[in-house]
Every structure is written in C-alpha cells, then in structure tokens.
Amino acid sequence: MNAKLVMSSRPAAGAGRQRNAADPAGTPRIKTTVDAVTNSDSPAATSVANRYGTPKRAMSKRAKIIAVAVTLAVGLTWILWSVVAGNTGVEQKVISFKVVDPTLSTVDLTITKDPAATAQCAVQALNEQFAVVGWNILTVGANGADAGINSGHTTSVTASVRTTSLAVTVTVDNCWIEH
C-alpha cells in the first residue's frame, strides 16, 4: 500500500479557460498524484515502498498489555526461582588458602549450617588463567551443640586439593546439604 497524496492546482494564466477574477472557484483544477514518500509522481517514487516494504503498524494497546504481563510473569518467576534455588541451607566463607607446591593447595574455611545436617562443598584450585587445576569435595558432618561456634552451627575446616599445575587461588564453588 503506497501512500499517495492528491494535489490540485490552478492552471497558469492564459492556459485553458479564461480566469474570471470575480469567480476564482469557477476555474478548472489540474489533479496530480504525488507519492508522499518522495514527493514526486515518477515511477521511481514507488520503488522505495517496493524495495523496503510498507511501514509496519504499531502494536495495539491490547498487545502491549499482554506483552507487559508476560514479561512481568517471567521476571517474577525467575526472581522466585533464584531465591528458592539459591538457598541451599549452607553458607561458606574462605578464611585463607595456601599453595603448598605445584601439586597441592590447602584452604581454611568456615561452614554455617544446621548442626544436625551433613554438608558437602566443592573446593577448586585455579591457575593464572582461571582454569581449574584441582578439585575436591569436602564433607562436613553433623555437629554437636558443643562443637564449633554459634551452638554448633558454624564449623571451621581445612581442605586439601591436589593440583595438576601451580594454583594461584583456591575457592569454594558450591555447597549443599547431603540428603
């Protein structure tokens, strides 16, 4: 669908019928079809619409409301999933680490969990390019109320990680409660 504009103009003086100054409405008009995109009546004017297509219509109000509602629903679902899935019941904190030699690194960390639960943590050693050069799973068993601090909720542990090359850091990748 090409946008066309119909323009009319009066003929030049002396062309066609004589103009009557008292009756300007009685003079004939010349109608010309002009392409609204290029302001010309040449065949090239329609080539723009043929090449690029007609302009797209804007989204309706109903479609905009549906799009916003779907976006909000997806966002809320993602936030809830992040909160629920991210809560493993275990908190860990790396206190220090030591690179013993190119084949061994150690890490001191604290684990906070339910005293009756058994937790596992994936400990990894990384090299200068942040590639994993060592990995180990640390298991922290159930505590009594007198073990550790905070009535048995927080326990300090040391983990060893065998490495394939020199590590520059040791981190805890993830911790979870063993079921």
Protein backbone atom coordinates (compact mmCIF):
# COMPACT_ATOMS: atom_id res chain seq x y z
CA MET A 1 0.00 0.00 0.00
CA ASN A 2 1.68 3.17 -1.19
CA ALA A 3 0.90 6.47 0.45
CA LYS A 4 -0.35 8.83 -2.24
CA LEU A 5 -1.24 12.46 -1.95
CA VAL A 6 -3.54 14.11 -4.45
CA MET A 7 -2.70 17.73 -5.10
CA SER A 8 -4.68 20.12 -7.18
CA SER A 9 -3.53 23.37 -8.62
CA ARG A 10 -4.88 26.06 -10.87
CA PRO A 11 -3.54 26.26 -14.39
CA ALA A 12 -1.21 29.07 -15.34
CA ALA A 13 -2.72 32.30 -16.63
CA GLY A 14 -3.80 32.00 -20.25
CA ALA A 15 -3.95 28.21 -20.16
CA GLY A 16 -7.33 26.62 -20.78
CA ARG A 17 -10.37 28.69 -19.89
CA GLN A 18 -10.06 32.39 -19.11
CA ARG A 19 -9.90 33.16 -15.43
CA ASN A 20 -12.52 35.43 -14.03
CA ALA A 21 -11.14 37.45 -11.14
CA ALA A 22 -14.59 37.64 -9.62
CA ASP A 23 -15.13 33.85 -9.79
CA PRO A 24 -11.98 32.01 -8.68
CA ALA A 25 -13.98 28.88 -7.84
CA GLY A 26 -15.12 28.51 -11.42
CA THR A 27 -11.65 27.84 -12.77
CA PRO A 28 -10.72 24.25 -13.57
CA ARG A 29 -8.22 22.42 -11.41
CA ILE A 30 -5.46 20.05 -12.52
CA LYS A 31 -5.14 16.93 -10.33
CA THR A 32 -1.73 15.33 -9.84
CA THR A 33 -0.96 12.20 -7.83
CA VAL A 34 2.23 12.56 -5.79
CA ASP A 35 3.99 9.86 -3.79
CA ALA A 36 4.05 11.01 -0.14
CA VAL A 37 7.43 9.41 0.49
CA THR A 38 9.42 11.07 -2.27
CA ASN A 39 7.12 13.98 -3.22
CA SER A 40 7.22 13.12 -6.89
CA ASP A 41 4.96 11.47 -9.40
CA SER A 42 7.71 9.49 -11.13
CA PRO A 43 7.74 5.67 -11.29
CA ALA A 44 10.84 5.73 -9.09
CA ALA A 45 8.72 7.10 -6.25
CA THR A 46 7.02 3.75 -5.73
CA SER A 47 10.32 1.84 -5.79
CA VAL A 48 11.06 2.84 -2.17
CA ALA A 49 7.93 1.05 -0.95
CA ASN A 50 8.64 -1.87 -3.28
CA ARG A 51 12.18 -2.18 -2.01
CA TYR A 52 11.66 -1.76 1.74
CA GLY A 53 8.00 -2.63 2.13
CA THR A 54 5.27 -0.63 3.70
CA PRO A 55 5.67 0.69 7.23
CA LYS A 56 4.64 -1.71 9.99
CA ARG A 57 1.70 -0.91 12.16
CA ALA A 58 2.32 -0.18 15.82
CA MET A 59 1.33 -2.72 18.48
CA SER A 60 -2.23 -2.42 19.65
CA LYS A 61 -2.96 -1.43 23.23
CA ARG A 62 -4.14 -4.98 23.99
CA ALA A 63 -0.93 -6.50 22.58
CA LYS A 64 1.18 -4.09 24.66
CA ILE A 65 -0.70 -5.06 27.85
CA ILE A 66 -0.26 -8.77 27.10
CA ALA A 67 3.47 -8.29 26.40
CA VAL A 68 3.98 -6.38 29.67
CA ALA A 69 2.02 -9.01 31.64
CA VAL A 70 4.04 -11.88 30.17
CA THR A 71 7.32 -10.05 30.85
CA LEU A 72 6.33 -9.39 34.46
CA ALA A 73 5.25 -13.01 34.97
CA VAL A 74 8.54 -14.35 33.58
CA GLY A 75 10.55 -11.87 35.67
CA LEU A 76 8.70 -12.71 38.87
CA THR A 77 9.09 -16.44 38.23
CA TRP A 78 12.84 -16.01 37.67
CA ILE A 79 13.23 -13.98 40.88
CA LEU A 80 11.34 -16.54 42.94
CA TRP A 81 13.29 -19.42 41.42
CA SER A 82 16.59 -17.63 42.12
CA VAL A 83 15.68 -17.08 45.77
CA VAL A 84 14.43 -20.62 46.36
CA ALA A 85 17.08 -22.46 44.31
CA GLY A 86 19.91 -20.27 45.62
CA ASN A 87 19.12 -21.07 49.24
CA THR A 88 20.94 -24.35 49.90
CA GLY A 89 20.92 -24.05 53.68
CA VAL A 90 24.72 -23.80 53.77
CA GLU A 91 26.88 -20.68 53.95
CA GLN A 92 30.62 -20.83 53.44
CA LYS A 93 33.42 -18.31 53.79
CA VAL A 94 37.03 -18.77 52.72
CA ILE A 95 39.31 -17.58 55.53
CA SER A 96 42.67 -18.28 53.86
CA PHE A 97 44.39 -20.52 51.36
CA LYS A 98 47.94 -21.74 50.85
CA VAL A 99 49.66 -23.03 47.73
CA VAL A 100 51.99 -25.66 49.18
CA ASP A 101 53.62 -26.69 45.88
CA PRO A 102 52.57 -27.26 42.23
CA THR A 103 50.71 -30.44 43.25
CA LEU A 104 48.95 -29.39 46.48
CA SER A 105 46.96 -26.44 47.86
CA THR A 106 45.01 -26.04 51.11
CA VAL A 107 42.09 -23.81 52.11
CA ASP A 108 40.73 -22.83 55.55
CA LEU A 109 37.03 -22.04 55.59
CA THR A 110 34.01 -21.77 57.84
CA ILE A 111 30.78 -23.62 57.13
CA THR A 112 27.49 -22.45 58.67
CA LYS A 113 24.62 -24.96 58.55
CA ASP A 114 22.10 -26.81 60.68
CA PRO A 115 24.15 -28.72 63.31
CA ALA A 116 22.31 -31.99 62.59
CA ALA A 117 22.86 -31.81 58.80
CA THR A 118 25.78 -33.07 56.75
CA ALA A 119 27.09 -30.61 54.17
CA GLN A 120 29.31 -31.08 51.15
CA CYS A 121 31.32 -28.37 49.41
CA ALA A 122 33.08 -28.43 46.05
CA VAL A 123 36.52 -26.85 46.51
CA GLN A 124 38.53 -25.88 43.44
CA ALA A 125 42.03 -24.59 42.76
CA LEU A 126 42.54 -22.16 39.86
CA ASN A 127 45.64 -21.16 37.89
CA GLU A 128 46.56 -17.71 36.48
CA GLN A 129 44.16 -18.14 33.54
CA PHE A 130 41.32 -19.07 35.94
CA ALA A 131 41.34 -22.66 34.69
CA VAL A 132 40.51 -25.35 37.24
CA VAL A 133 43.72 -27.25 38.08
CA GLY A 134 42.39 -29.11 41.13
CA TRP A 135 39.03 -30.09 42.56
CA ASN A 136 37.83 -31.88 45.68
CA ILE A 137 34.57 -32.44 47.56
CA LEU A 138 34.75 -31.64 51.26
CA THR A 139 32.25 -33.34 53.58
CA VAL A 140 31.34 -31.68 56.89
CA GLY A 141 29.35 -34.00 59.14
CA ALA A 142 26.79 -33.29 61.84
CA ASN A 143 27.97 -31.26 64.84
CA GLY A 144 27.09 -31.43 68.48
CA ALA A 145 25.95 -28.30 70.30
CA ASP A 146 29.41 -28.01 71.88
CA ALA A 147 31.34 -28.31 68.58
CA GLY A 148 32.36 -25.22 66.63
CA ILE A 149 30.86 -21.82 67.37
CA ASN A 150 27.33 -20.45 67.37
CA SER A 151 25.92 -23.53 69.18
CA GLY A 152 27.33 -25.92 66.57
CA HIS A 153 26.03 -24.03 63.53
CA THR A 154 29.46 -22.77 62.36
CA THR A 155 32.43 -25.07 61.88
CA SER A 156 35.99 -24.23 60.81
CA VAL A 157 37.60 -26.78 58.49
CA THR A 158 40.72 -27.17 56.34
CA ALA A 159 40.56 -28.87 52.96
CA SER A 160 43.38 -30.14 50.76
CA VAL A 161 43.21 -30.01 46.97
CA ARG A 162 45.56 -31.97 44.70
CA THR A 163 46.53 -29.91 41.63
CA THR A 164 47.84 -30.72 38.16
CA SER A 165 49.85 -27.48 37.95
CA LEU A 166 50.63 -24.47 40.10
CA ALA A 167 47.49 -22.87 41.52
CA VAL A 168 47.19 -19.18 42.36
CA THR A 169 43.91 -19.35 44.32
CA VAL A 170 41.57 -21.81 46.00
CA THR A 171 37.81 -21.14 46.13
CA VAL A 172 34.59 -22.86 47.13
CA ASP A 173 32.48 -23.44 44.03
CA ASN A 174 29.28 -24.57 45.76
CA CYS A 175 27.95 -26.10 48.98
CA TRP A 176 24.83 -28.18 49.60
CA ILE A 177 23.10 -30.29 52.25
CA GLU A 178 23.52 -34.03 51.72
CA HIS A 179 20.20 -35.87 51.79
